[in-house]
Amino acid sequence: MLKVTDRAAVQISKAAKDGDMQELALRLAPYTKSDGCIEYNRMGFDNVKDDDIRISCEGIEVVYAPSFQNLLEDAVMDFVEIEAGELSFIFLNPNDPNYVPPKD
């Protein structure tokens, strides 16, 4: 199952509040690109559907359709500083062929 870090949950909560979308869940809709890599740029706030897979963390809810389960299994969604001043959501996902585990 997908895991959402505390940092990502805080940022999702902030974005929901800033957009006046606190009653909605963050919906993920990943897809596989032609080279096999997984792309995550299709996400936004949406109503929860009956068959959605739901992840709750720090008062927020992240949802995705069951058809995306194989792409998100064991992935971690985080919010990090990529370069100085550049913050972004990232996905650490062992299902992605370009995945490199972080070094301790």
N, C-alpha and C. Protein backbone atom coordinates (compact mmCIF):
# COMPACT_ATOMS: atom_id res chain seq x y z
N MET A 1 0.84 -1.18 0.00
CA MET A 1 0.00 0.00 0.00
C MET A 1 0.89 1.25 0.00
N LEU A 2 0.42 2.27 -0.66
CA LEU A 2 1.10 3.56 -0.69
C LEU A 2 1.25 4.12 0.72
N LYS A 3 2.40 4.73 0.98
CA LYS A 3 2.61 5.43 2.26
C LYS A 3 2.77 6.91 1.94
N VAL A 4 2.26 7.76 2.82
CA VAL A 4 2.36 9.21 2.69
C VAL A 4 3.14 9.71 3.90
N THR A 5 4.25 10.40 3.67
CA THR A 5 5.04 10.90 4.78
C THR A 5 4.31 12.06 5.47
N ASP A 6 4.72 12.34 6.69
CA ASP A 6 4.14 13.48 7.42
C ASP A 6 4.36 14.78 6.66
N ARG A 7 5.54 14.95 6.07
CA ARG A 7 5.82 16.19 5.30
C ARG A 7 4.86 16.34 4.13
N ALA A 8 4.60 15.24 3.42
CA ALA A 8 3.67 15.30 2.29
C ALA A 8 2.26 15.59 2.78
N ALA A 9 1.86 14.97 3.88
CA ALA A 9 0.52 15.20 4.43
C ALA A 9 0.33 16.66 4.83
N VAL A 10 1.34 17.26 5.43
CA VAL A 10 1.25 18.67 5.82
C VAL A 10 1.08 19.54 4.58
N GLN A 11 1.81 19.25 3.51
CA GLN A 11 1.72 20.06 2.29
C GLN A 11 0.38 19.85 1.59
N ILE A 12 -0.13 18.64 1.59
CA ILE A 12 -1.45 18.37 1.00
C ILE A 12 -2.51 19.15 1.77
N SER A 13 -2.42 19.11 3.08
CA SER A 13 -3.36 19.85 3.93
C SER A 13 -3.31 21.35 3.65
N LYS A 14 -2.11 21.88 3.52
CA LYS A 14 -1.93 23.30 3.22
C LYS A 14 -2.53 23.64 1.86
N ALA A 15 -2.28 22.82 0.85
CA ALA A 15 -2.83 23.07 -0.49
C ALA A 15 -4.35 23.00 -0.48
N ALA A 16 -4.91 22.06 0.27
CA ALA A 16 -6.36 21.95 0.37
C ALA A 16 -6.95 23.20 1.02
N LYS A 17 -6.30 23.66 2.07
CA LYS A 17 -6.78 24.86 2.76
C LYS A 17 -6.66 26.08 1.85
N ASP A 18 -5.50 26.24 1.20
CA ASP A 18 -5.28 27.39 0.31
C ASP A 18 -6.28 27.41 -0.84
N GLY A 19 -6.69 26.24 -1.32
CA GLY A 19 -7.62 26.16 -2.43
C GLY A 19 -9.07 25.98 -1.99
N ASP A 20 -9.31 26.08 -0.66
CA ASP A 20 -10.65 25.89 -0.09
C ASP A 20 -11.24 24.55 -0.53
N MET A 21 -10.41 23.50 -0.40
CA MET A 21 -10.83 22.16 -0.81
C MET A 21 -10.68 21.16 0.35
N GLN A 22 -10.82 21.62 1.58
CA GLN A 22 -10.59 20.77 2.74
C GLN A 22 -11.53 19.56 2.80
N GLU A 23 -12.68 19.65 2.16
CA GLU A 23 -13.64 18.54 2.20
C GLU A 23 -13.34 17.46 1.16
N LEU A 24 -12.34 17.69 0.32
CA LEU A 24 -12.02 16.75 -0.74
C LEU A 24 -10.74 15.98 -0.43
N ALA A 25 -10.57 14.85 -1.08
CA ALA A 25 -9.35 14.04 -0.94
C ALA A 25 -8.41 14.38 -2.10
N LEU A 26 -7.13 14.10 -1.90
CA LEU A 26 -6.17 14.24 -3.00
C LEU A 26 -6.23 12.95 -3.82
N ARG A 27 -6.59 13.08 -5.08
CA ARG A 27 -6.67 11.92 -5.97
C ARG A 27 -5.39 11.79 -6.79
N LEU A 28 -4.81 10.58 -6.77
CA LEU A 28 -3.65 10.26 -7.58
C LEU A 28 -4.11 9.44 -8.78
N ALA A 29 -3.53 9.71 -9.93
CA ALA A 29 -3.85 8.96 -11.15
C ALA A 29 -2.56 8.74 -11.94
N PRO A 30 -1.67 7.89 -11.43
CA PRO A 30 -0.39 7.67 -12.12
C PRO A 30 -0.61 6.93 -13.43
N TYR A 31 0.38 7.03 -14.30
CA TYR A 31 0.31 6.27 -15.54
C TYR A 31 1.72 5.86 -15.95
N THR A 32 1.78 4.84 -16.77
CA THR A 32 3.06 4.33 -17.25
C THR A 32 3.37 4.97 -18.60
N LYS A 33 4.54 5.57 -18.68
CA LYS A 33 4.99 6.19 -19.93
C LYS A 33 5.50 5.10 -20.88
N SER A 34 5.74 5.47 -22.12
CA SER A 34 6.17 4.49 -23.13
C SER A 34 7.48 3.80 -22.77
N ASP A 35 8.33 4.48 -21.97
CA ASP A 35 9.61 3.86 -21.57
C ASP A 35 9.48 3.01 -20.31
N GLY A 36 8.25 2.87 -19.78
CA GLY A 36 8.01 2.05 -18.60
C GLY A 36 8.05 2.81 -17.29
N CYS A 37 8.51 4.05 -17.32
CA CYS A 37 8.56 4.87 -16.10
C CYS A 37 7.15 5.26 -15.68
N ILE A 38 6.98 5.49 -14.40
CA ILE A 38 5.68 5.89 -13.87
C ILE A 38 5.66 7.40 -13.70
N GLU A 39 4.62 8.03 -14.20
CA GLU A 39 4.44 9.48 -14.11
C GLU A 39 3.34 9.79 -13.10
N TYR A 40 3.54 10.83 -12.29
CA TYR A 40 2.62 11.13 -11.19
C TYR A 40 2.00 12.52 -11.29
N ASN A 41 2.11 13.21 -12.41
CA ASN A 41 1.67 14.60 -12.47
C ASN A 41 0.16 14.77 -12.57
N ARG A 42 -0.58 13.69 -12.64
CA ARG A 42 -2.04 13.78 -12.66
C ARG A 42 -2.56 13.56 -11.24
N MET A 43 -2.64 14.65 -10.50
CA MET A 43 -3.23 14.57 -9.17
C MET A 43 -3.94 15.88 -8.87
N GLY A 44 -5.00 15.77 -8.10
CA GLY A 44 -5.77 16.95 -7.73
C GLY A 44 -6.83 16.57 -6.72
N PHE A 45 -7.52 17.55 -6.20
CA PHE A 45 -8.53 17.30 -5.18
C PHE A 45 -9.83 16.86 -5.84
N ASP A 46 -10.48 15.86 -5.21
CA ASP A 46 -11.66 15.24 -5.81
C ASP A 46 -12.50 14.60 -4.71
N ASN A 47 -13.74 14.28 -5.05
CA ASN A 47 -14.60 13.53 -4.14
C ASN A 47 -14.13 12.08 -4.08
N VAL A 48 -14.37 11.45 -2.94
CA VAL A 48 -14.04 10.04 -2.77
C VAL A 48 -15.14 9.20 -3.41
N LYS A 49 -14.73 8.17 -4.14
CA LYS A 49 -15.68 7.25 -4.76
C LYS A 49 -15.74 5.98 -3.92
N ASP A 50 -16.84 5.26 -4.02
CA ASP A 50 -17.05 4.08 -3.19
C ASP A 50 -15.94 3.04 -3.31
N ASP A 51 -15.41 2.85 -4.52
CA ASP A 51 -14.41 1.79 -4.71
C ASP A 51 -12.96 2.28 -4.59
N ASP A 52 -12.77 3.55 -4.24
CA ASP A 52 -11.42 4.09 -4.11
C ASP A 52 -10.62 3.39 -3.01
N ILE A 53 -9.33 3.30 -3.24
CA ILE A 53 -8.41 2.91 -2.18
C ILE A 53 -8.07 4.19 -1.44
N ARG A 54 -8.15 4.15 -0.10
CA ARG A 54 -7.99 5.35 0.71
C ARG A 54 -6.79 5.22 1.65
N ILE A 55 -6.00 6.28 1.71
CA ILE A 55 -4.87 6.36 2.62
C ILE A 55 -5.11 7.60 3.48
N SER A 56 -5.13 7.43 4.79
CA SER A 56 -5.31 8.56 5.69
C SER A 56 -4.02 8.80 6.45
N CYS A 57 -3.65 10.07 6.57
CA CYS A 57 -2.41 10.43 7.26
C CYS A 57 -2.52 11.87 7.72
N GLU A 58 -2.30 12.11 9.00
CA GLU A 58 -2.26 13.47 9.52
C GLU A 58 -3.50 14.28 9.15
N GLY A 59 -4.67 13.63 9.15
CA GLY A 59 -5.91 14.35 8.89
C GLY A 59 -6.23 14.58 7.42
N ILE A 60 -5.45 14.04 6.52
CA ILE A 60 -5.74 14.18 5.09
C ILE A 60 -6.06 12.79 4.52
N GLU A 61 -6.70 12.80 3.38
CA GLU A 61 -7.01 11.54 2.72
C GLU A 61 -6.47 11.59 1.29
N VAL A 62 -5.77 10.54 0.91
CA VAL A 62 -5.28 10.37 -0.45
C VAL A 62 -6.03 9.17 -1.01
N VAL A 63 -6.54 9.31 -2.23
CA VAL A 63 -7.31 8.23 -2.84
C VAL A 63 -6.81 7.94 -4.25
N TYR A 64 -7.07 6.72 -4.69
CA TYR A 64 -6.80 6.36 -6.08
C TYR A 64 -7.67 5.16 -6.44
N ALA A 65 -7.92 5.02 -7.73
CA ALA A 65 -8.74 3.92 -8.22
C ALA A 65 -8.00 2.60 -8.05
N PRO A 66 -8.73 1.51 -7.82
CA PRO A 66 -8.08 0.19 -7.68
C PRO A 66 -7.21 -0.17 -8.89
N SER A 67 -7.51 0.36 -10.06
CA SER A 67 -6.71 0.04 -11.25
C SER A 67 -5.27 0.56 -11.15
N PHE A 68 -5.01 1.48 -10.21
CA PHE A 68 -3.66 2.01 -10.03
C PHE A 68 -2.90 1.31 -8.91
N GLN A 69 -3.52 0.34 -8.28
CA GLN A 69 -2.89 -0.34 -7.13
C GLN A 69 -1.53 -0.91 -7.50
N ASN A 70 -1.40 -1.55 -8.65
CA ASN A 70 -0.12 -2.17 -9.01
C ASN A 70 0.98 -1.12 -9.24
N LEU A 71 0.61 0.10 -9.64
CA LEU A 71 1.61 1.14 -9.84
C LEU A 71 2.05 1.78 -8.52
N LEU A 72 1.20 1.76 -7.52
CA LEU A 72 1.48 2.46 -6.26
C LEU A 72 1.83 1.53 -5.09
N GLU A 73 1.76 0.24 -5.31
CA GLU A 73 2.07 -0.71 -4.24
C GLU A 73 3.48 -0.48 -3.70
N ASP A 74 3.58 -0.27 -2.40
CA ASP A 74 4.85 -0.07 -1.67
C ASP A 74 5.56 1.24 -2.01
N ALA A 75 4.90 2.16 -2.71
CA ALA A 75 5.49 3.47 -3.00
C ALA A 75 5.35 4.38 -1.79
N VAL A 76 6.21 5.39 -1.73
CA VAL A 76 6.16 6.39 -0.67
C VAL A 76 6.05 7.76 -1.33
N MET A 77 5.06 8.52 -0.92
CA MET A 77 4.88 9.89 -1.39
C MET A 77 5.49 10.82 -0.34
N ASP A 78 6.40 11.68 -0.77
CA ASP A 78 7.08 12.59 0.15
C ASP A 78 7.06 14.00 -0.44
N PHE A 79 7.42 14.98 0.35
CA PHE A 79 7.52 16.37 -0.10
C PHE A 79 8.89 16.85 0.36
N VAL A 80 9.77 17.14 -0.61
CA VAL A 80 11.16 17.43 -0.28
C VAL A 80 11.68 18.63 -1.07
N GLU A 81 12.81 19.12 -0.63
CA GLU A 81 13.51 20.18 -1.35
C GLU A 81 14.46 19.51 -2.33
N ILE A 82 14.16 19.64 -3.61
CA ILE A 82 14.98 19.01 -4.66
C ILE A 82 16.30 19.76 -4.79
N GLU A 83 16.21 21.05 -4.95
CA GLU A 83 17.36 21.95 -4.97
C GLU A 83 16.99 23.13 -4.08
N ALA A 84 17.93 23.95 -3.75
CA ALA A 84 17.67 25.08 -2.86
C ALA A 84 16.45 25.87 -3.33
N GLY A 85 15.43 25.92 -2.48
CA GLY A 85 14.22 26.67 -2.77
C GLY A 85 13.23 25.98 -3.69
N GLU A 86 13.54 24.79 -4.16
CA GLU A 86 12.64 24.06 -5.07
C GLU A 86 12.04 22.86 -4.34
N LEU A 87 10.81 23.04 -3.86
CA LEU A 87 10.10 21.99 -3.13
C LEU A 87 9.15 21.27 -4.06
N SER A 88 9.02 19.95 -3.88
CA SER A 88 8.18 19.17 -4.78
C SER A 88 7.76 17.86 -4.12
N PHE A 89 6.61 17.35 -4.57
CA PHE A 89 6.24 15.99 -4.19
C PHE A 89 7.11 15.04 -4.99
N ILE A 90 7.55 13.99 -4.34
CA ILE A 90 8.28 12.93 -5.02
C ILE A 90 7.66 11.59 -4.65
N PHE A 91 7.89 10.61 -5.47
CA PHE A 91 7.42 9.26 -5.21
C PHE A 91 8.61 8.32 -5.25
N LEU A 92 8.85 7.65 -4.16
CA LEU A 92 9.88 6.61 -4.09
C LEU A 92 9.15 5.30 -4.35
N ASN A 93 9.36 4.75 -5.53
CA ASN A 93 8.52 3.65 -5.95
C ASN A 93 9.33 2.50 -6.55
N PRO A 94 9.38 1.37 -5.83
CA PRO A 94 10.13 0.23 -6.33
C PRO A 94 9.52 -0.40 -7.59
N ASN A 95 8.31 0.02 -7.98
CA ASN A 95 7.67 -0.49 -9.20
C ASN A 95 8.15 0.24 -10.45
N ASP A 96 8.84 1.35 -10.26
CA ASP A 96 9.34 2.14 -11.39
C ASP A 96 10.69 1.57 -11.81
N PRO A 97 10.90 1.30 -13.10
CA PRO A 97 12.16 0.69 -13.53
C PRO A 97 13.38 1.59 -13.28
N ASN A 98 13.20 2.89 -13.09
CA ASN A 98 14.32 3.80 -12.81
C ASN A 98 14.50 4.07 -11.32
N TYR A 99 13.77 3.36 -10.48
CA TYR A 99 13.84 3.57 -9.03
C TYR A 99 15.23 3.22 -8.50
N VAL A 100 15.77 4.12 -7.72
CA VAL A 100 17.03 3.87 -7.01
C VAL A 100 16.74 4.13 -5.54
N PRO A 101 16.88 3.12 -4.67
CA PRO A 101 16.60 3.34 -3.27
C PRO A 101 17.49 4.43 -2.68
N PRO A 102 16.94 5.25 -1.79
CA PRO A 102 17.77 6.31 -1.18
C PRO A 102 18.86 5.69 -0.33
N LYS A 103 20.00 6.38 -0.30
CA LYS A 103 21.10 5.93 0.54
C LYS A 103 20.92 6.52 1.93
N ASP A 104 21.21 5.74 2.93
CA ASP A 104 21.07 6.19 4.32
C ASP A 104 22.12 7.21 4.69
